[in-house]
Amino acid sequence: RALFGSILSVAVCGILSGILSRDFTGFILFNILNFFFGVGV
């Protein structure tokens, strides 16, 4: 379950990172997503 959860966190963070707005708000959200991406690895 931990293995699957790690892969799932990468999937969610990756897709959401790719559709963020190209502004400072998007950059802040990108950092938040990358934090959870890092937690999942």
PDB file of all heavy atoms in Angstrom:
ATOM      1  N   ARG A   1       0.829  -1.207   0.000  1.00  0.00           N
ATOM      2  CA  ARG A   1       0.000   0.000   0.000  1.00  0.00           C
ATOM      3  C   ARG A   1       0.863   1.257   0.000  1.00  0.00           C
ATOM      4  O   ARG A   1       0.527   2.254  -0.644  1.00  0.00           O
ATOM      5  CB  ARG A   1      -0.914  -0.004   1.221  1.00  0.00           C
ATOM      6  CG  ARG A   1      -1.953  -1.132   1.212  1.00  0.00           C
ATOM      7  CD  ARG A   1      -2.810  -1.081   2.461  1.00  0.00           C
ATOM      8  NE  ARG A   1      -3.812  -2.143   2.464  1.00  0.00           N
ATOM      9  CZ  ARG A   1      -4.663  -2.380   3.461  1.00  0.00           C
ATOM     10  NH1 ARG A   1      -4.611  -1.609   4.549  1.00  0.00           N
ATOM     11  NH2 ARG A   1      -5.525  -3.371   3.375  1.00  0.00           N
ATOM     12  N   ALA A   2       1.983   1.208   0.736  1.00  0.00           N
ATOM     13  CA  ALA A   2       2.893   2.359   0.745  1.00  0.00           C
ATOM     14  C   ALA A   2       3.503   2.562  -0.639  1.00  0.00           C
ATOM     15  O   ALA A   2       3.629   3.702  -1.118  1.00  0.00           O
ATOM     16  CB  ALA A   2       4.002   2.142   1.785  1.00  0.00           C
ATOM     17  N   LEU A   3       3.863   1.460  -1.316  1.00  0.00           N
ATOM     18  CA  LEU A   3       4.421   1.546  -2.667  1.00  0.00           C
ATOM     19  C   LEU A   3       3.414   2.166  -3.629  1.00  0.00           C
ATOM     20  O   LEU A   3       3.744   3.063  -4.412  1.00  0.00           O
ATOM     21  CB  LEU A   3       4.822   0.157  -3.156  1.00  0.00           C
ATOM     22  CG  LEU A   3       5.928  -0.561  -2.371  1.00  0.00           C
ATOM     23  CD1 LEU A   3       6.046  -2.011  -2.827  1.00  0.00           C
ATOM     24  CD2 LEU A   3       7.259   0.143  -2.540  1.00  0.00           C
ATOM     25  N   PHE A   4       2.169   1.692  -3.562  1.00  0.00           N
ATOM     26  CA  PHE A   4       1.132   2.210  -4.447  1.00  0.00           C
ATOM     27  C   PHE A   4       0.837   3.677  -4.127  1.00  0.00           C
ATOM     28  O   PHE A   4       0.656   4.502  -5.023  1.00  0.00           O
ATOM     29  CB  PHE A   4      -0.144   1.378  -4.321  1.00  0.00           C
ATOM     30  CG  PHE A   4      -1.270   1.874  -5.179  1.00  0.00           C
ATOM     31  CD1 PHE A   4      -1.257   1.653  -6.550  1.00  0.00           C
ATOM     32  CD2 PHE A   4      -2.330   2.581  -4.628  1.00  0.00           C
ATOM     33  CE1 PHE A   4      -2.291   2.129  -7.352  1.00  0.00           C
ATOM     34  CE2 PHE A   4      -3.363   3.050  -5.409  1.00  0.00           C
ATOM     35  CZ  PHE A   4      -3.344   2.821  -6.782  1.00  0.00           C
ATOM     36  N   GLY A   5       0.798   4.010  -2.838  1.00  0.00           N
ATOM     37  CA  GLY A   5       0.547   5.396  -2.432  1.00  0.00           C
ATOM     38  C   GLY A   5       1.621   6.339  -2.936  1.00  0.00           C
ATOM     39  O   GLY A   5       1.341   7.472  -3.337  1.00  0.00           O
ATOM     40  N   SER A   6       2.874   5.884  -2.953  1.00  0.00           N
ATOM     41  CA  SER A   6       3.966   6.700  -3.460  1.00  0.00           C
ATOM     42  C   SER A   6       3.782   6.989  -4.947  1.00  0.00           C
ATOM     43  O   SER A   6       3.910   8.136  -5.387  1.00  0.00           O
ATOM     44  CB  SER A   6       5.303   5.980  -3.232  1.00  0.00           C
ATOM     45  OG  SER A   6       6.370   6.711  -3.790  1.00  0.00           O
ATOM     46  N   ILE A   7       3.465   5.964  -5.723  1.00  0.00           N
ATOM     47  CA  ILE A   7       3.244   6.137  -7.159  1.00  0.00           C
ATOM     48  C   ILE A   7       2.050   7.057  -7.406  1.00  0.00           C
ATOM     49  O   ILE A   7       2.077   7.935  -8.283  1.00  0.00           O
ATOM     50  CB  ILE A   7       3.008   4.772  -7.840  1.00  0.00           C
ATOM     51  CG1 ILE A   7       4.260   3.900  -7.734  1.00  0.00           C
ATOM     52  CG2 ILE A   7       2.608   4.953  -9.296  1.00  0.00           C
ATOM     53  CD1 ILE A   7       5.450   4.405  -8.495  1.00  0.00           C
ATOM     54  N   LEU A   8       0.989   6.884  -6.621  1.00  0.00           N
ATOM     55  CA  LEU A   8      -0.212   7.704  -6.787  1.00  0.00           C
ATOM     56  C   LEU A   8       0.074   9.172  -6.486  1.00  0.00           C
ATOM     57  O   LEU A   8      -0.427  10.077  -7.177  1.00  0.00           O
ATOM     58  CB  LEU A   8      -1.328   7.189  -5.876  1.00  0.00           C
ATOM     59  CG  LEU A   8      -2.707   7.844  -6.045  1.00  0.00           C
ATOM     60  CD1 LEU A   8      -3.228   7.622  -7.460  1.00  0.00           C
ATOM     61  CD2 LEU A   8      -3.696   7.288  -5.017  1.00  0.00           C
ATOM     62  N   SER A   9       0.917   9.439  -5.484  1.00  0.00           N
ATOM     63  CA  SER A   9       1.244  10.825  -5.145  1.00  0.00           C
ATOM     64  C   SER A   9       2.014  11.486  -6.292  1.00  0.00           C
ATOM     65  O   SER A   9       1.807  12.666  -6.594  1.00  0.00           O
ATOM     66  CB  SER A   9       2.070  10.882  -3.855  1.00  0.00           C
ATOM     67  OG  SER A   9       3.380  10.384  -4.049  1.00  0.00           O
ATOM     68  N   VAL A  10       2.891  10.721  -6.948  1.00  0.00           N
ATOM     69  CA  VAL A  10       3.620  11.251  -8.104  1.00  0.00           C
ATOM     70  C   VAL A  10       2.653  11.557  -9.239  1.00  0.00           C
ATOM     71  O   VAL A  10       2.769  12.594  -9.914  1.00  0.00           O
ATOM     72  CB  VAL A  10       4.691  10.243  -8.567  1.00  0.00           C
ATOM     73  CG1 VAL A  10       5.331  10.697  -9.877  1.00  0.00           C
ATOM     74  CG2 VAL A  10       5.756  10.077  -7.494  1.00  0.00           C
ATOM     75  N   ALA A  11       1.673  10.672  -9.452  1.00  0.00           N
ATOM     76  CA  ALA A  11       0.697  10.873 -10.527  1.00  0.00           C
ATOM     77  C   ALA A  11      -0.099  12.156 -10.309  1.00  0.00           C
ATOM     78  O   ALA A  11      -0.225  12.989 -11.220  1.00  0.00           O
ATOM     79  CB  ALA A  11      -0.243   9.667 -10.597  1.00  0.00           C
ATOM     80  N   VAL A  12      -0.613  12.321  -9.111  1.00  0.00           N
ATOM     81  CA  VAL A  12      -1.445  13.495  -8.811  1.00  0.00           C
ATOM     82  C   VAL A  12      -0.615  14.777  -8.894  1.00  0.00           C
ATOM     83  O   VAL A  12      -1.017  15.761  -9.538  1.00  0.00           O
ATOM     84  CB  VAL A  12      -2.097  13.354  -7.418  1.00  0.00           C
ATOM     85  CG1 VAL A  12      -2.811  14.642  -7.034  1.00  0.00           C
ATOM     86  CG2 VAL A  12      -3.075  12.182  -7.405  1.00  0.00           C
ATOM     87  N   CYS A  13       0.561  14.765  -8.250  1.00  0.00           N
ATOM     88  CA  CYS A  13       1.402  15.973  -8.232  1.00  0.00           C
ATOM     89  C   CYS A  13       1.905  16.315  -9.633  1.00  0.00           C
ATOM     90  O   CYS A  13       1.995  17.492  -9.996  1.00  0.00           O
ATOM     91  CB  CYS A  13       2.580  15.778  -7.285  1.00  0.00           C
ATOM     92  SG  CYS A  13       2.106  15.668  -5.538  1.00  0.00           S
ATOM     93  N   GLY A  14       2.214  15.302 -10.440  1.00  0.00           N
ATOM     94  CA  GLY A  14       2.702  15.546 -11.790  1.00  0.00           C
ATOM     95  C   GLY A  14       1.652  16.179 -12.681  1.00  0.00           C
ATOM     96  O   GLY A  14       1.911  17.191 -13.347  1.00  0.00           O
ATOM     97  N   ILE A  15       0.460  15.608 -12.693  1.00  0.00           N
ATOM     98  CA  ILE A  15      -0.620  16.121 -13.553  1.00  0.00           C
ATOM     99  C   ILE A  15      -1.005  17.536 -13.139  1.00  0.00           C
ATOM    100  O   ILE A  15      -1.142  18.436 -13.985  1.00  0.00           O
ATOM    101  CB  ILE A  15      -1.838  15.182 -13.518  1.00  0.00           C
ATOM    102  CG1 ILE A  15      -1.486  13.841 -14.179  1.00  0.00           C
ATOM    103  CG2 ILE A  15      -3.040  15.815 -14.225  1.00  0.00           C
ATOM    104  CD1 ILE A  15      -2.554  12.785 -14.028  1.00  0.00           C
ATOM    105  N   LEU A  16      -1.171  17.756 -11.836  1.00  0.00           N
ATOM    106  CA  LEU A  16      -1.561  19.087 -11.358  1.00  0.00           C
ATOM    107  C   LEU A  16      -0.463  20.123 -11.636  1.00  0.00           C
ATOM    108  O   LEU A  16      -0.754  21.277 -11.980  1.00  0.00           O
ATOM    109  CB  LEU A  16      -1.883  19.039  -9.862  1.00  0.00           C
ATOM    110  CG  LEU A  16      -3.141  18.257  -9.471  1.00  0.00           C
ATOM    111  CD1 LEU A  16      -3.331  18.269  -7.961  1.00  0.00           C
ATOM    112  CD2 LEU A  16      -4.381  18.831 -10.163  1.00  0.00           C
ATOM    113  N   SER A  17       0.809  19.712 -11.513  1.00  0.00           N
ATOM    114  CA  SER A  17       1.914  20.644 -11.788  1.00  0.00           C
ATOM    115  C   SER A  17       1.903  21.091 -13.244  1.00  0.00           C
ATOM    116  O   SER A  17       2.232  22.240 -13.558  1.00  0.00           O
ATOM    117  CB  SER A  17       3.262  19.986 -11.463  1.00  0.00           C
ATOM    118  OG  SER A  17       3.394  19.741 -10.077  1.00  0.00           O
ATOM    119  N   GLY A  18       1.508  20.200 -14.141  1.00  0.00           N
ATOM    120  CA  GLY A  18       1.528  20.512 -15.559  1.00  0.00           C
ATOM    121  C   GLY A  18       0.422  21.426 -16.031  1.00  0.00           C
ATOM    122  O   GLY A  18       0.509  21.973 -17.145  1.00  0.00           O
ATOM    123  N   ILE A  19      -0.608  21.614 -15.202  1.00  0.00           N
ATOM    124  CA  ILE A  19      -1.748  22.446 -15.630  1.00  0.00           C
ATOM    125  C   ILE A  19      -1.885  23.713 -14.792  1.00  0.00           C
ATOM    126  O   ILE A  19      -2.905  24.402 -14.874  1.00  0.00           O
ATOM    127  CB  ILE A  19      -3.064  21.631 -15.589  1.00  0.00           C
ATOM    128  CG1 ILE A  19      -3.371  21.154 -14.165  1.00  0.00           C
ATOM    129  CG2 ILE A  19      -2.999  20.447 -16.548  1.00  0.00           C
ATOM    130  CD1 ILE A  19      -4.731  20.461 -14.030  1.00  0.00           C
ATOM    131  N   LEU A  20      -0.864  24.036 -14.008  1.00  0.00           N
ATOM    132  CA  LEU A  20      -0.921  25.239 -13.174  1.00  0.00           C
ATOM    133  C   LEU A  20      -0.857  26.505 -14.026  1.00  0.00           C
ATOM    134  O   LEU A  20      -0.298  26.504 -15.124  1.00  0.00           O
ATOM    135  CB  LEU A  20       0.243  25.243 -12.183  1.00  0.00           C
ATOM    136  CG  LEU A  20       0.200  24.189 -11.066  1.00  0.00           C
ATOM    137  CD1 LEU A  20       1.525  24.189 -10.307  1.00  0.00           C
ATOM    138  CD2 LEU A  20      -0.965  24.437 -10.123  1.00  0.00           C
ATOM    139  N   SER A  21      -1.410  27.565 -13.496  1.00  0.00           N
ATOM    140  CA  SER A  21      -1.337  28.854 -14.186  1.00  0.00           C
ATOM    141  C   SER A  21       0.096  29.369 -14.161  1.00  0.00           C
ATOM    142  O   SER A  21       0.851  29.099 -13.228  1.00  0.00           O
ATOM    143  CB  SER A  21      -2.267  29.866 -13.506  1.00  0.00           C
ATOM    144  OG  SER A  21      -1.913  30.030 -12.136  1.00  0.00           O
ATOM    145  N   ARG A  22       0.475  30.139 -15.197  1.00  0.00           N
ATOM    146  CA  ARG A  22       1.849  30.595 -15.342  1.00  0.00           C
ATOM    147  C   ARG A  22       2.071  31.932 -14.621  1.00  0.00           C
ATOM    148  O   ARG A  22       2.475  32.931 -15.218  1.00  0.00           O
ATOM    149  CB  ARG A  22       2.212  30.710 -16.812  1.00  0.00           C
ATOM    150  CG  ARG A  22       1.973  29.442 -17.583  1.00  0.00           C
ATOM    151  CD  ARG A  22       2.357  29.582 -19.041  1.00  0.00           C
ATOM    152  NE  ARG A  22       3.800  29.774 -19.200  1.00  0.00           N
ATOM    153  CZ  ARG A  22       4.426  29.743 -20.383  1.00  0.00           C
ATOM    154  NH1 ARG A  22       3.730  29.544 -21.487  1.00  0.00           N
ATOM    155  NH2 ARG A  22       5.728  29.927 -20.452  1.00  0.00           N
ATOM    156  N   ASP A  23       1.774  31.950 -13.331  1.00  0.00           N
ATOM    157  CA  ASP A  23       1.944  33.175 -12.545  1.00  0.00           C
ATOM    158  C   ASP A  23       2.517  32.811 -11.181  1.00  0.00           C
ATOM    159  O   ASP A  23       2.832  31.652 -10.913  1.00  0.00           O
ATOM    160  CB  ASP A  23       0.611  33.925 -12.414  1.00  0.00           C
ATOM    161  CG  ASP A  23      -0.515  33.037 -11.900  1.00  0.00           C
ATOM    162  OD1 ASP A  23      -0.222  32.007 -11.247  1.00  0.00           O
ATOM    163  OD2 ASP A  23      -1.692  33.357 -12.159  1.00  0.00           O
ATOM    164  N   PHE A  24       2.638  33.815 -10.312  1.00  0.00           N
ATOM    165  CA  PHE A  24       3.253  33.569  -9.006  1.00  0.00           C
ATOM    166  C   PHE A  24       2.410  32.617  -8.165  1.00  0.00           C
ATOM    167  O   PHE A  24       2.950  31.792  -7.420  1.00  0.00           O
ATOM    168  CB  PHE A  24       3.461  34.893  -8.265  1.00  0.00           C
ATOM    169  CG  PHE A  24       4.238  34.741  -6.988  1.00  0.00           C
ATOM    170  CD1 PHE A  24       5.598  34.442  -7.014  1.00  0.00           C
ATOM    171  CD2 PHE A  24       3.618  34.877  -5.756  1.00  0.00           C
ATOM    172  CE1 PHE A  24       6.321  34.288  -5.839  1.00  0.00           C
ATOM    173  CE2 PHE A  24       4.336  34.723  -4.568  1.00  0.00           C
ATOM    174  CZ  PHE A  24       5.693  34.431  -4.620  1.00  0.00           C
ATOM    175  N   THR A  25       1.081  32.706  -8.288  1.00  0.00           N
ATOM    176  CA  THR A  25       0.208  31.775  -7.562  1.00  0.00           C
ATOM    177  C   THR A  25       0.476  30.339  -8.010  1.00  0.00           C
ATOM    178  O   THR A  25       0.545  29.418  -7.186  1.00  0.00           O
ATOM    179  CB  THR A  25      -1.268  32.121  -7.799  1.00  0.00           C
ATOM    180  OG1 THR A  25      -1.517  33.458  -7.350  1.00  0.00           O
ATOM    181  CG2 THR A  25      -2.181  31.155  -7.061  1.00  0.00           C
ATOM    182  N   GLY A  26       0.645  30.172  -9.337  1.00  0.00           N
ATOM    183  CA  GLY A  26       0.974  28.850  -9.852  1.00  0.00           C
ATOM    184  C   GLY A  26       2.287  28.342  -9.305  1.00  0.00           C
ATOM    185  O   GLY A  26       2.438  27.155  -8.978  1.00  0.00           O
ATOM    186  N   PHE A  27       3.270  29.248  -9.166  1.00  0.00           N
ATOM    187  CA  PHE A  27       4.567  28.853  -8.628  1.00  0.00           C
ATOM    188  C   PHE A  27       4.449  28.408  -7.167  1.00  0.00           C
ATOM    189  O   PHE A  27       5.086  27.427  -6.759  1.00  0.00           O
ATOM    190  CB  PHE A  27       5.552  30.016  -8.749  1.00  0.00           C
ATOM    191  CG  PHE A  27       6.895  29.744  -8.123  1.00  0.00           C
ATOM    192  CD1 PHE A  27       7.778  28.848  -8.709  1.00  0.00           C
ATOM    193  CD2 PHE A  27       7.265  30.378  -6.939  1.00  0.00           C
ATOM    194  CE1 PHE A  27       9.013  28.589  -8.127  1.00  0.00           C
ATOM    195  CE2 PHE A  27       8.496  30.122  -6.358  1.00  0.00           C
ATOM    196  CZ  PHE A  27       9.374  29.229  -6.953  1.00  0.00           C
ATOM    197  N   ILE A  28       3.659  29.131  -6.384  1.00  0.00           N
ATOM    198  CA  ILE A  28       3.445  28.739  -4.980  1.00  0.00           C
ATOM    199  C   ILE A  28       2.806  27.353  -4.906  1.00  0.00           C
ATOM    200  O   ILE A  28       3.232  26.491  -4.118  1.00  0.00           O
ATOM    201  CB  ILE A  28       2.561  29.779  -4.250  1.00  0.00           C
ATOM    202  CG1 ILE A  28       3.264  31.140  -4.184  1.00  0.00           C
ATOM    203  CG2 ILE A  28       2.208  29.287  -2.848  1.00  0.00           C
ATOM    204  CD1 ILE A  28       4.561  31.136  -3.416  1.00  0.00           C
ATOM    205  N   LEU A  29       1.792  27.122  -5.737  1.00  0.00           N
ATOM    206  CA  LEU A  29       1.136  25.809  -5.765  1.00  0.00           C
ATOM    207  C   LEU A  29       2.109  24.720  -6.234  1.00  0.00           C
ATOM    208  O   LEU A  29       2.061  23.579  -5.752  1.00  0.00           O
ATOM    209  CB  LEU A  29      -0.089  25.853  -6.675  1.00  0.00           C
ATOM    210  CG  LEU A  29      -1.248  26.730  -6.188  1.00  0.00           C
ATOM    211  CD1 LEU A  29      -2.340  26.806  -7.253  1.00  0.00           C
ATOM    212  CD2 LEU A  29      -1.818  26.177  -4.879  1.00  0.00           C
ATOM    213  N   PHE A  30       2.989  25.082  -7.162  1.00  0.00           N
ATOM    214  CA  PHE A  30       4.003  24.137  -7.647  1.00  0.00           C
ATOM    215  C   PHE A  30       4.915  23.696  -6.504  1.00  0.00           C
ATOM    216  O   PHE A  30       5.265  22.511  -6.383  1.00  0.00           O
ATOM    217  CB  PHE A  30       4.814  24.803  -8.761  1.00  0.00           C
ATOM    218  CG  PHE A  30       5.856  23.922  -9.390  1.00  0.00           C
ATOM    219  CD1 PHE A  30       5.501  22.739 -10.025  1.00  0.00           C
ATOM    220  CD2 PHE A  30       7.202  24.286  -9.370  1.00  0.00           C
ATOM    221  CE1 PHE A  30       6.462  21.927 -10.625  1.00  0.00           C
ATOM    222  CE2 PHE A  30       8.163  23.490  -9.963  1.00  0.00           C
ATOM    223  CZ  PHE A  30       7.796  22.309 -10.593  1.00  0.00           C
ATOM    224  N   ASN A  31       5.286  24.625  -5.643  1.00  0.00           N
ATOM    225  CA  ASN A  31       6.108  24.283  -4.475  1.00  0.00           C
ATOM    226  C   ASN A  31       5.359  23.375  -3.512  1.00  0.00           C
ATOM    227  O   ASN A  31       5.933  22.420  -2.970  1.00  0.00           O
ATOM    228  CB  ASN A  31       6.553  25.560  -3.757  1.00  0.00           C
ATOM    229  CG  ASN A  31       7.807  26.160  -4.354  1.00  0.00           C
ATOM    230  OD1 ASN A  31       8.911  25.702  -4.096  1.00  0.00           O
ATOM    231  ND2 ASN A  31       7.637  27.176  -5.186  1.00  0.00           N
ATOM    232  N   ILE A  32       4.086  23.658  -3.293  1.00  0.00           N
ATOM    233  CA  ILE A  32       3.288  22.819  -2.388  1.00  0.00           C
ATOM    234  C   ILE A  32       3.190  21.397  -2.931  1.00  0.00           C
ATOM    235  O   ILE A  32       3.363  20.412  -2.197  1.00  0.00           O
ATOM    236  CB  ILE A  32       1.883  23.425  -2.189  1.00  0.00           C
ATOM    237  CG1 ILE A  32       1.991  24.763  -1.446  1.00  0.00           C
ATOM    238  CG2 ILE A  32       0.978  22.464  -1.429  1.00  0.00           C
ATOM    239  CD1 ILE A  32       0.693  25.540  -1.369  1.00  0.00           C
ATOM    240  N   LEU A  33       2.915  21.294  -4.237  1.00  0.00           N
ATOM    241  CA  LEU A  33       2.826  19.973  -4.861  1.00  0.00           C
ATOM    242  C   LEU A  33       4.160  19.235  -4.779  1.00  0.00           C
ATOM    243  O   LEU A  33       4.202  18.025  -4.525  1.00  0.00           O
ATOM    244  CB  LEU A  33       2.389  20.114  -6.322  1.00  0.00           C
ATOM    245  CG  LEU A  33       0.933  20.533  -6.551  1.00  0.00           C
ATOM    246  CD1 LEU A  33       0.699  20.874  -8.021  1.00  0.00           C
ATOM    247  CD2 LEU A  33      -0.016  19.418  -6.116  1.00  0.00           C
ATOM    248  N   ASN A  34       5.268  19.965  -4.977  1.00  0.00           N
ATOM    249  CA  ASN A  34       6.575  19.329  -4.915  1.00  0.00           C
ATOM    250  C   ASN A  34       6.939  18.888  -3.508  1.00  0.00           C
ATOM    251  O   ASN A  34       7.670  17.914  -3.336  1.00  0.00           O
ATOM    252  CB  ASN A  34       7.642  20.282  -5.461  1.00  0.00           C
ATOM    253  CG  ASN A  34       7.831  20.112  -6.949  1.00  0.00           C
ATOM    254  OD1 ASN A  34       8.495  19.183  -7.396  1.00  0.00           O
ATOM    255  ND2 ASN A  34       7.219  20.975  -7.723  1.00  0.00           N
ATOM    256  N   PHE A  35       6.420  19.588  -2.515  1.00  0.00           N
ATOM    257  CA  PHE A  35       6.640  19.143  -1.143  1.00  0.00           C
ATOM    258  C   PHE A  35       6.004  17.770  -0.932  1.00  0.00           C
ATOM    259  O   PHE A  35       6.645  16.841  -0.415  1.00  0.00           O
ATOM    260  CB  PHE A  35       6.043  20.160  -0.165  1.00  0.00           C
ATOM    261  CG  PHE A  35       6.059  19.689   1.267  1.00  0.00           C
ATOM    262  CD1 PHE A  35       7.223  19.736   2.014  1.00  0.00           C
ATOM    263  CD2 PHE A  35       4.908  19.186   1.858  1.00  0.00           C
ATOM    264  CE1 PHE A  35       7.241  19.279   3.331  1.00  0.00           C
ATOM    265  CE2 PHE A  35       4.914  18.733   3.172  1.00  0.00           C
ATOM    266  CZ  PHE A  35       6.087  18.790   3.904  1.00  0.00           C
ATOM    267  N   PHE A  36       4.748  17.615  -1.360  1.00  0.00           N
ATOM    268  CA  PHE A  36       4.073  16.324  -1.183  1.00  0.00           C
ATOM    269  C   PHE A  36       4.653  15.250  -2.106  1.00  0.00           C
ATOM    270  O   PHE A  36       4.673  14.071  -1.760  1.00  0.00           O
ATOM    271  CB  PHE A  36       2.572  16.484  -1.417  1.00  0.00           C
ATOM    272  CG  PHE A  36       1.874  17.199  -0.301  1.00  0.00           C
ATOM    273  CD1 PHE A  36       1.465  18.522  -0.439  1.00  0.00           C
ATOM    274  CD2 PHE A  36       1.655  16.563   0.909  1.00  0.00           C
ATOM    275  CE1 PHE A  36       0.836  19.191   0.602  1.00  0.00           C
ATOM    276  CE2 PHE A  36       1.026  17.220   1.964  1.00  0.00           C
ATOM    277  CZ  PHE A  36       0.613  18.539   1.806  1.00  0.00           C
ATOM    278  N   PHE A  37       5.143  15.676  -3.264  1.00  0.00           N
ATOM    279  CA  PHE A  37       5.851  14.760  -4.152  1.00  0.00           C
ATOM    280  C   PHE A  37       7.076  14.207  -3.423  1.00  0.00           C
ATOM    281  O   PHE A  37       7.332  12.989  -3.415  1.00  0.00           O
ATOM    282  CB  PHE A  37       6.247  15.522  -5.421  1.00  0.00           C
ATOM    283  CG  PHE A  37       6.951  14.706  -6.465  1.00  0.00           C
ATOM    284  CD1 PHE A  37       7.043  13.322  -6.392  1.00  0.00           C
ATOM    285  CD2 PHE A  37       7.548  15.342  -7.548  1.00  0.00           C
ATOM    286  CE1 PHE A  37       7.702  12.580  -7.368  1.00  0.00           C
ATOM    287  CE2 PHE A  37       8.214  14.613  -8.523  1.00  0.00           C
ATOM    288  CZ  PHE A  37       8.293  13.235  -8.429  1.00  0.00           C
ATOM    289  N   GLY A  38       7.850  15.104  -2.799  1.00  0.00           N
ATOM    290  CA  GLY A  38       9.026  14.684  -2.053  1.00  0.00           C
ATOM    291  C   GLY A  38       8.685  13.775  -0.895  1.00  0.00           C
ATOM    292  O   GLY A  38       9.378  12.784  -0.637  1.00  0.00           O
ATOM    293  N   VAL A  39       7.599  14.084  -0.181  1.00  0.00           N
ATOM    294  CA  VAL A  39       7.167  13.239   0.943  1.00  0.00           C
ATOM    295  C   VAL A  39       6.877  11.822   0.464  1.00  0.00           C
ATOM    296  O   VAL A  39       7.186  10.834   1.141  1.00  0.00           O
ATOM    297  CB  VAL A  39       5.919  13.842   1.624  1.00  0.00           C
ATOM    298  CG1 VAL A  39       5.302  12.841   2.607  1.00  0.00           C
ATOM    299  CG2 VAL A  39       6.283  15.135   2.354  1.00  0.00           C
ATOM    300  N   GLY A  40       6.286  11.695  -0.727  1.00  0.00           N
ATOM    301  CA  GLY A  40       5.869  10.385  -1.222  1.00  0.00           C
ATOM    302  C   GLY A  40       6.996   9.499  -1.694  1.00  0.00           C
ATOM    303  O   GLY A  40       6.895   8.266  -1.633  1.00  0.00           O
ATOM    304  N   VAL A  41       8.100  10.077  -2.161  1.00  0.00           N
ATOM    305  CA  VAL A  41       9.181   9.285  -2.759  1.00  0.00           C
ATOM    306  C   VAL A  41       9.755   8.232  -1.808  1.00  0.00           C
ATOM    307  O   VAL A  41       9.931   7.068  -2.202  1.00  0.00           O
ATOM    308  CB  VAL A  41      10.298  10.214  -3.284  1.00  0.00           C
ATOM    309  CG1 VAL A  41      11.554   9.419  -3.646  1.00  0.00           C
ATOM    310  CG2 VAL A  41       9.808  10.996  -4.502  1.00  0.00           C
TER     311      VAL A  41
END
